[in-house]
């Protein structure tokens, strides 16, 4: 329970939500969350989610609404070596088909495989808390960077006007708003490249994603 002393330094978002590492008890809630966020896609399986926890527990996060105990957000990450990958490859390559068995603790790149926020809670600070917590994981583990694929959720509305590359440039210039990429750019991420077939079954992005990167300003050289 929060005390009066705690409340002095706690933001309204932190007062409402708890961010913590994923536990086994959270798995049914994560799977249910998937059905709300990605109703057209196959949800994460319990086997995949347990694999994440057993391989890299520090990178698996959930957001719980304190008052109700409801799981309203989820993030999953793993560590890789940047130069081991062709960054034009699809999501399944970076995640070993969603199991994270390619996690490499000697790497310096935290790969953001997933961030989900319940539709009823979007815009209330859940996403920001997940990204802030993921950045803290990167700092704690002395990662050089965070990389992820930002699916271009608004592209299906704009594909007749823009190529994927021009769409991303328009979002970067704030001429077009994209529900995913605009948020991430506001968090300090930069676009590295635009790739096709990142998530082939995603109708909103038509399979396109922007590979994005956040640089850890506190990273130190490992000797």
C-alpha atoms as a PDB file:
ATOM      1  CA  UNK A   1       0.000   0.000   0.000  1.00  0.00           C
ATOM      2  CA  UNK A   2       1.259   3.491  -0.805  1.00  0.00           C
ATOM      3  CA  UNK A   3       2.032   5.669   2.229  1.00  0.00           C
ATOM      4  CA  UNK A   4       1.809   9.461   2.427  1.00  0.00           C
ATOM      5  CA  UNK A   5       5.590   9.591   2.096  1.00  0.00           C
ATOM      6  CA  UNK A   6       5.483   7.461  -1.068  1.00  0.00           C
ATOM      7  CA  UNK A   7       2.834   9.672  -2.639  1.00  0.00           C
ATOM      8  CA  UNK A   8       5.142  12.692  -2.522  1.00  0.00           C
ATOM      9  CA  UNK A   9       7.306  11.206  -5.306  1.00  0.00           C
ATOM     10  CA  UNK A  10       4.734   9.004  -7.062  1.00  0.00           C
ATOM     11  CA  UNK A  11       3.076  10.232 -10.236  1.00  0.00           C
ATOM     12  CA  UNK A  12      -0.680   9.754 -10.809  1.00  0.00           C
ATOM     13  CA  UNK A  13       0.137   7.049 -13.375  1.00  0.00           C
ATOM     14  CA  UNK A  14       2.393   5.183 -10.944  1.00  0.00           C
ATOM     15  CA  UNK A  15      -0.256   5.522  -8.249  1.00  0.00           C
ATOM     16  CA  UNK A  16      -2.810   3.875 -10.535  1.00  0.00           C
ATOM     17  CA  UNK A  17      -0.611   1.180 -12.097  1.00  0.00           C
ATOM     18  CA  UNK A  18       1.990  -1.325 -10.950  1.00  0.00           C
ATOM     19  CA  UNK A  19       4.713  -2.457 -13.369  1.00  0.00           C
ATOM     20  CA  UNK A  20       6.483  -5.690 -12.480  1.00  0.00           C
ATOM     21  CA  UNK A  21       8.096  -8.771 -13.986  1.00  0.00           C
ATOM     22  CA  UNK A  22       5.729 -11.303 -15.503  1.00  0.00           C
ATOM     23  CA  UNK A  23       4.761 -14.245 -13.286  1.00  0.00           C
ATOM     24  CA  UNK A  24       3.182 -17.582 -14.176  1.00  0.00           C
ATOM     25  CA  UNK A  25      -0.106 -16.394 -12.700  1.00  0.00           C
ATOM     26  CA  UNK A  26      -0.200 -13.622 -15.330  1.00  0.00           C
ATOM     27  CA  UNK A  27      -0.199 -15.921 -18.342  1.00  0.00           C
ATOM     28  CA  UNK A  28      -3.985 -16.357 -18.694  1.00  0.00           C
ATOM     29  CA  UNK A  29      -4.379 -12.584 -18.433  1.00  0.00           C
ATOM     30  CA  UNK A  30      -1.758 -11.987 -21.127  1.00  0.00           C
ATOM     31  CA  UNK A  31      -3.468 -14.424 -23.468  1.00  0.00           C
ATOM     32  CA  UNK A  32      -6.804 -12.702 -22.830  1.00  0.00           C
ATOM     33  CA  UNK A  33      -5.167  -9.313 -23.440  1.00  0.00           C
ATOM     34  CA  UNK A  34      -3.952 -10.583 -26.826  1.00  0.00           C
ATOM     35  CA  UNK A  35      -7.531 -11.277 -27.900  1.00  0.00           C
ATOM     36  CA  UNK A  36      -8.467  -7.645 -27.235  1.00  0.00           C
ATOM     37  CA  UNK A  37      -5.397  -6.107 -28.876  1.00  0.00           C
ATOM     38  CA  UNK A  38      -5.003  -8.512 -31.819  1.00  0.00           C
ATOM     39  CA  UNK A  39      -8.459 -10.032 -32.423  1.00  0.00           C
ATOM     40  CA  UNK A  40      -7.453 -11.221 -35.905  1.00  0.00           C
ATOM     41  CA  UNK A  41      -4.182 -12.859 -34.840  1.00  0.00           C
ATOM     42  CA  UNK A  42      -3.149 -15.927 -32.885  1.00  0.00           C
ATOM     43  CA  UNK A  43      -2.411 -15.087 -29.252  1.00  0.00           C
ATOM     44  CA  UNK A  44       0.862 -15.809 -27.506  1.00  0.00           C
ATOM     45  CA  UNK A  45       0.762 -19.387 -26.249  1.00  0.00           C
ATOM     46  CA  UNK A  46       1.326 -20.353 -22.626  1.00  0.00           C
ATOM     47  CA  UNK A  47       4.355 -22.352 -23.789  1.00  0.00           C
ATOM     48  CA  UNK A  48       5.910 -19.294 -25.441  1.00  0.00           C
ATOM     49  CA  UNK A  49       5.246 -17.056 -22.440  1.00  0.00           C
ATOM     50  CA  UNK A  50       6.782 -19.577 -20.038  1.00  0.00           C
ATOM     51  CA  UNK A  51       9.770 -19.835 -22.366  1.00  0.00           C
ATOM     52  CA  UNK A  52      10.278 -16.062 -22.116  1.00  0.00           C
ATOM     53  CA  UNK A  53      10.171 -16.189 -18.323  1.00  0.00           C
ATOM     54  CA  UNK A  54      12.581 -19.090 -18.027  1.00  0.00           C
ATOM     55  CA  UNK A  55      15.093 -17.616 -20.474  1.00  0.00           C
ATOM     56  CA  UNK A  56      15.058 -13.906 -19.614  1.00  0.00           C
ATOM     57  CA  UNK A  57      12.690 -12.978 -16.764  1.00  0.00           C
ATOM     58  CA  UNK A  58      14.044  -9.429 -16.468  1.00  0.00           C
ATOM     59  CA  UNK A  59      12.744  -8.573 -19.926  1.00  0.00           C
ATOM     60  CA  UNK A  60       9.133  -9.654 -19.376  1.00  0.00           C
ATOM     61  CA  UNK A  61       6.845  -7.010 -17.897  1.00  0.00           C
ATOM     62  CA  UNK A  62       3.184  -6.566 -17.070  1.00  0.00           C
ATOM     63  CA  UNK A  63       1.127  -3.584 -15.942  1.00  0.00           C
ATOM     64  CA  UNK A  64      -1.511  -4.200 -13.280  1.00  0.00           C
ATOM     65  CA  UNK A  65      -4.242  -1.716 -12.393  1.00  0.00           C
ATOM     66  CA  UNK A  66      -3.837  -1.447  -8.629  1.00  0.00           C
ATOM     67  CA  UNK A  67      -7.503  -0.892  -7.775  1.00  0.00           C
ATOM     68  CA  UNK A  68      -8.908  -3.788  -9.793  1.00  0.00           C
ATOM     69  CA  UNK A  69      -5.930  -6.138 -10.124  1.00  0.00           C
ATOM     70  CA  UNK A  70      -6.579  -6.243 -13.862  1.00  0.00           C
ATOM     71  CA  UNK A  71      -3.698  -6.942 -16.251  1.00  0.00           C
ATOM     72  CA  UNK A  72      -3.830  -4.058 -18.738  1.00  0.00           C
ATOM     73  CA  UNK A  73      -0.399  -4.058 -20.376  1.00  0.00           C
ATOM     74  CA  UNK A  74       2.403  -6.412 -21.347  1.00  0.00           C
ATOM     75  CA  UNK A  75       5.902  -6.147 -22.805  1.00  0.00           C
ATOM     76  CA  UNK A  76       8.341  -8.859 -23.873  1.00  0.00           C
ATOM     77  CA  UNK A  77      12.036  -8.467 -24.704  1.00  0.00           C
ATOM     78  CA  UNK A  78      15.193 -10.473 -25.282  1.00  0.00           C
ATOM     79  CA  UNK A  79      18.885  -9.722 -25.758  1.00  0.00           C
ATOM     80  CA  UNK A  80      20.601 -10.216 -29.103  1.00  0.00           C
ATOM     81  CA  UNK A  81      23.775  -9.201 -30.918  1.00  0.00           C
ATOM     82  CA  UNK A  82      22.893  -6.526 -33.451  1.00  0.00           C
ATOM     83  CA  UNK A  83      25.374  -7.665 -36.090  1.00  0.00           C
ATOM     84  CA  UNK A  84      24.119 -11.266 -36.034  1.00  0.00           C
ATOM     85  CA  UNK A  85      20.950 -10.261 -37.890  1.00  0.00           C
ATOM     86  CA  UNK A  86      19.822  -8.913 -41.224  1.00  0.00           C
ATOM     87  CA  UNK A  87      17.452  -6.171 -40.095  1.00  0.00           C
ATOM     88  CA  UNK A  88      15.246  -6.703 -43.114  1.00  0.00           C
ATOM     89  CA  UNK A  89      14.158 -10.068 -41.710  1.00  0.00           C
ATOM     90  CA  UNK A  90      10.668 -10.687 -40.259  1.00  0.00           C
ATOM     91  CA  UNK A  91       9.742 -10.642 -36.573  1.00  0.00           C
ATOM     92  CA  UNK A  92       9.841 -14.442 -36.286  1.00  0.00           C
ATOM     93  CA  UNK A  93      13.595 -14.465 -37.019  1.00  0.00           C
ATOM     94  CA  UNK A  94      14.406 -12.054 -34.180  1.00  0.00           C
ATOM     95  CA  UNK A  95      12.291 -14.026 -31.704  1.00  0.00           C
ATOM     96  CA  UNK A  96      12.940 -17.605 -32.866  1.00  0.00           C
ATOM     97  CA  UNK A  97       9.273 -17.981 -33.746  1.00  0.00           C
ATOM     98  CA  UNK A  98       8.183 -16.311 -30.543  1.00  0.00           C
ATOM     99  CA  UNK A  99      10.078 -18.530 -28.089  1.00  0.00           C
ATOM    100  CA  UNK A 100      13.141 -16.284 -27.453  1.00  0.00           C
ATOM    101  CA  UNK A 101      15.455 -19.308 -27.521  1.00  0.00           C
ATOM    102  CA  UNK A 102      17.876 -17.150 -29.517  1.00  0.00           C
ATOM    103  CA  UNK A 103      18.383 -14.911 -26.455  1.00  0.00           C
ATOM    104  CA  UNK A 104      22.105 -14.141 -26.153  1.00  0.00           C
ATOM    105  CA  UNK A 105      23.183 -12.732 -22.803  1.00  0.00           C
ATOM    106  CA  UNK A 106      26.486 -11.571 -24.316  1.00  0.00           C
ATOM    107  CA  UNK A 107      24.654  -9.187 -26.660  1.00  0.00           C
ATOM    108  CA  UNK A 108      24.303  -5.433 -26.160  1.00  0.00           C
ATOM    109  CA  UNK A 109      20.956  -4.950 -27.938  1.00  0.00           C
ATOM    110  CA  UNK A 110      17.650  -5.305 -26.115  1.00  0.00           C
ATOM    111  CA  UNK A 111      15.112  -6.368 -28.728  1.00  0.00           C
ATOM    112  CA  UNK A 112      11.555  -5.291 -28.018  1.00  0.00           C
ATOM    113  CA  UNK A 113       9.440  -8.163 -29.292  1.00  0.00           C
ATOM    114  CA  UNK A 114       6.080  -6.994 -27.967  1.00  0.00           C
ATOM    115  CA  UNK A 115       4.208  -4.187 -26.263  1.00  0.00           C
ATOM    116  CA  UNK A 116       0.463  -4.448 -25.743  1.00  0.00           C
ATOM    117  CA  UNK A 117      -2.002  -2.143 -23.993  1.00  0.00           C
ATOM    118  CA  UNK A 118      -5.653  -3.025 -23.483  1.00  0.00           C
ATOM    119  CA  UNK A 119      -7.750  -0.846 -25.844  1.00  0.00           C
ATOM    120  CA  UNK A 120      -9.802   0.507 -22.923  1.00  0.00           C
ATOM    121  CA  UNK A 121      -6.608   1.739 -21.236  1.00  0.00           C
ATOM    122  CA  UNK A 122      -4.779   3.262 -24.183  1.00  0.00           C
ATOM    123  CA  UNK A 123      -3.936   6.903 -23.586  1.00  0.00           C
ATOM    124  CA  UNK A 124      -3.843   6.507 -19.794  1.00  0.00           C
ATOM    125  CA  UNK A 125      -0.072   6.103 -19.426  1.00  0.00           C
ATOM    126  CA  UNK A 126       0.210   2.312 -19.567  1.00  0.00           C
ATOM    127  CA  UNK A 127       2.323   2.333 -22.734  1.00  0.00           C
ATOM    128  CA  UNK A 128       4.635   5.003 -21.364  1.00  0.00           C
ATOM    129  CA  UNK A 129       5.139   2.998 -18.180  1.00  0.00           C
ATOM    130  CA  UNK A 130       6.060  -0.099 -20.187  1.00  0.00           C
ATOM    131  CA  UNK A 131       8.562   1.805 -22.318  1.00  0.00           C
ATOM    132  CA  UNK A 132      10.024   3.581 -19.294  1.00  0.00           C
ATOM    133  CA  UNK A 133      10.442   0.246 -17.528  1.00  0.00           C
ATOM    134  CA  UNK A 134      11.997  -1.363 -20.602  1.00  0.00           C
ATOM    135  CA  UNK A 135      14.468   1.527 -20.827  1.00  0.00           C
ATOM    136  CA  UNK A 136      15.324   0.936 -17.172  1.00  0.00           C
ATOM    137  CA  UNK A 137      16.020  -2.727 -17.969  1.00  0.00           C
ATOM    138  CA  UNK A 138      18.356  -1.589 -20.758  1.00  0.00           C
ATOM    139  CA  UNK A 139      20.195   0.760 -18.416  1.00  0.00           C
ATOM    140  CA  UNK A 140      20.464  -1.813 -15.637  1.00  0.00           C
ATOM    141  CA  UNK A 141      21.907  -4.426 -18.015  1.00  0.00           C
ATOM    142  CA  UNK A 142      24.210  -1.890 -19.700  1.00  0.00           C
ATOM    143  CA  UNK A 143      22.622  -2.406 -23.105  1.00  0.00           C
ATOM    144  CA  UNK A 144      23.890  -0.089 -25.831  1.00  0.00           C
ATOM    145  CA  UNK A 145      20.474   0.184 -27.435  1.00  0.00           C
ATOM    146  CA  UNK A 146      16.907  -0.980 -27.697  1.00  0.00           C
ATOM    147  CA  UNK A 147      15.718  -2.054 -31.127  1.00  0.00           C
ATOM    148  CA  UNK A 148      12.244  -3.066 -32.206  1.00  0.00           C
ATOM    149  CA  UNK A 149       9.962  -3.263 -35.193  1.00  0.00           C
ATOM    150  CA  UNK A 150       7.241  -0.624 -35.158  1.00  0.00           C
ATOM    151  CA  UNK A 151       4.363  -1.999 -37.180  1.00  0.00           C
ATOM    152  CA  UNK A 152       2.904   0.803 -39.271  1.00  0.00           C
ATOM    153  CA  UNK A 153      -0.623   0.559 -37.923  1.00  0.00           C
ATOM    154  CA  UNK A 154      -1.958   3.505 -39.881  1.00  0.00           C
ATOM    155  CA  UNK A 155      -0.502   2.544 -43.237  1.00  0.00           C
ATOM    156  CA  UNK A 156      -3.635   0.764 -44.500  1.00  0.00           C
ATOM    157  CA  UNK A 157      -5.385   4.153 -44.393  1.00  0.00           C
ATOM    158  CA  UNK A 158      -2.602   5.806 -46.392  1.00  0.00           C
ATOM    159  CA  UNK A 159      -1.205   3.185 -48.780  1.00  0.00           C
ATOM    160  CA  UNK A 160      -2.810   4.812 -51.823  1.00  0.00           C
ATOM    161  CA  UNK A 161      -1.094   8.105 -51.009  1.00  0.00           C
ATOM    162  CA  UNK A 162       2.334   7.032 -49.729  1.00  0.00           C
ATOM    163  CA  UNK A 163       4.920   4.350 -50.277  1.00  0.00           C
ATOM    164  CA  UNK A 164       5.882   2.797 -46.918  1.00  0.00           C
ATOM    165  CA  UNK A 165       9.103   4.824 -46.877  1.00  0.00           C
ATOM    166  CA  UNK A 166       7.311   8.088 -47.637  1.00  0.00           C
ATOM    167  CA  UNK A 167       4.677   7.282 -45.033  1.00  0.00           C
ATOM    168  CA  UNK A 168       7.377   6.897 -42.383  1.00  0.00           C
ATOM    169  CA  UNK A 169       8.990  10.183 -43.443  1.00  0.00           C
ATOM    170  CA  UNK A 170       5.614  11.905 -43.152  1.00  0.00           C
ATOM    171  CA  UNK A 171       5.179  10.481 -39.655  1.00  0.00           C
ATOM    172  CA  UNK A 172       8.686  11.629 -38.689  1.00  0.00           C
ATOM    173  CA  UNK A 173       7.827  15.151 -39.888  1.00  0.00           C
ATOM    174  CA  UNK A 174       4.537  14.986 -37.955  1.00  0.00           C
ATOM    175  CA  UNK A 175       2.516  15.466 -41.118  1.00  0.00           C
ATOM    176  CA  UNK A 176       0.820  12.107 -40.484  1.00  0.00           C
ATOM    177  CA  UNK A 177       0.052  10.454 -37.160  1.00  0.00           C
ATOM    178  CA  UNK A 178       0.621   6.720 -36.734  1.00  0.00           C
ATOM    179  CA  UNK A 179      -0.738   5.060 -33.560  1.00  0.00           C
ATOM    180  CA  UNK A 180       2.452   3.076 -32.989  1.00  0.00           C
ATOM    181  CA  UNK A 181       5.338   4.905 -34.637  1.00  0.00           C
ATOM    182  CA  UNK A 182       4.353   8.416 -33.541  1.00  0.00           C
ATOM    183  CA  UNK A 183       4.288   7.276 -29.914  1.00  0.00           C
ATOM    184  CA  UNK A 184       7.693   5.631 -30.215  1.00  0.00           C
ATOM    185  CA  UNK A 185       9.273   8.640 -31.901  1.00  0.00           C
ATOM    186  CA  UNK A 186       7.992  10.766 -29.032  1.00  0.00           C
ATOM    187  CA  UNK A 187       9.788   8.369 -26.674  1.00  0.00           C
ATOM    188  CA  UNK A 188      13.116   9.191 -28.346  1.00  0.00           C
ATOM    189  CA  UNK A 189      13.353   6.334 -30.838  1.00  0.00           C
ATOM    190  CA  UNK A 190      14.843   6.924 -34.300  1.00  0.00           C
ATOM    191  CA  UNK A 191      13.965   5.080 -37.498  1.00  0.00           C
ATOM    192  CA  UNK A 192      16.749   2.839 -38.828  1.00  0.00           C
ATOM    193  CA  UNK A 193      14.990   1.401 -41.879  1.00  0.00           C
ATOM    194  CA  UNK A 194      11.616   0.364 -43.282  1.00  0.00           C
ATOM    195  CA  UNK A 195      11.001  -3.331 -43.935  1.00  0.00           C
ATOM    196  CA  UNK A 196       8.284  -5.380 -45.683  1.00  0.00           C
ATOM    197  CA  UNK A 197       6.828  -8.676 -44.454  1.00  0.00           C
ATOM    198  CA  UNK A 198       7.706  -7.985 -40.825  1.00  0.00           C
ATOM    199  CA  UNK A 199       4.331  -9.330 -39.732  1.00  0.00           C
ATOM    200  CA  UNK A 200       2.741 -10.698 -42.881  1.00  0.00           C
ATOM    201  CA  UNK A 201      -0.660 -11.363 -41.325  1.00  0.00           C
ATOM    202  CA  UNK A 202      -1.055  -7.832 -39.948  1.00  0.00           C
ATOM    203  CA  UNK A 203      -3.700  -6.124 -42.081  1.00  0.00           C
ATOM    204  CA  UNK A 204      -3.299  -2.687 -40.473  1.00  0.00           C
ATOM    205  CA  UNK A 205       0.377  -2.366 -41.402  1.00  0.00           C
ATOM    206  CA  UNK A 206       0.023  -4.460 -44.570  1.00  0.00           C
ATOM    207  CA  UNK A 207       3.120  -6.249 -43.284  1.00  0.00           C
ATOM    208  CA  UNK A 208       5.318  -3.142 -43.132  1.00  0.00           C
ATOM    209  CA  UNK A 209       7.321  -2.005 -40.117  1.00  0.00           C
ATOM    210  CA  UNK A 210       9.921   0.578 -39.234  1.00  0.00           C
ATOM    211  CA  UNK A 211      12.977  -0.750 -37.438  1.00  0.00           C
ATOM    212  CA  UNK A 212      13.514   1.730 -34.618  1.00  0.00           C
ATOM    213  CA  UNK A 213      16.319   2.321 -32.131  1.00  0.00           C
ATOM    214  CA  UNK A 214      16.700   4.004 -28.754  1.00  0.00           C
ATOM    215  CA  UNK A 215      20.283   4.623 -27.626  1.00  0.00           C
ATOM    216  CA  UNK A 216      21.187   4.205 -23.971  1.00  0.00           C
ATOM    217  CA  UNK A 217      23.056   7.381 -22.976  1.00  0.00           C
ATOM    218  CA  UNK A 218      24.497   5.639 -19.912  1.00  0.00           C
ATOM    219  CA  UNK A 219      25.979   2.603 -21.662  1.00  0.00           C
ATOM    220  CA  UNK A 220      29.614   1.949 -20.845  1.00  0.00           C
ATOM    221  CA  UNK A 221      32.280   0.048 -22.745  1.00  0.00           C
ATOM    222  CA  UNK A 222      32.668  -3.581 -21.682  1.00  0.00           C
ATOM    223  CA  UNK A 223      36.300  -4.710 -21.557  1.00  0.00           C
END
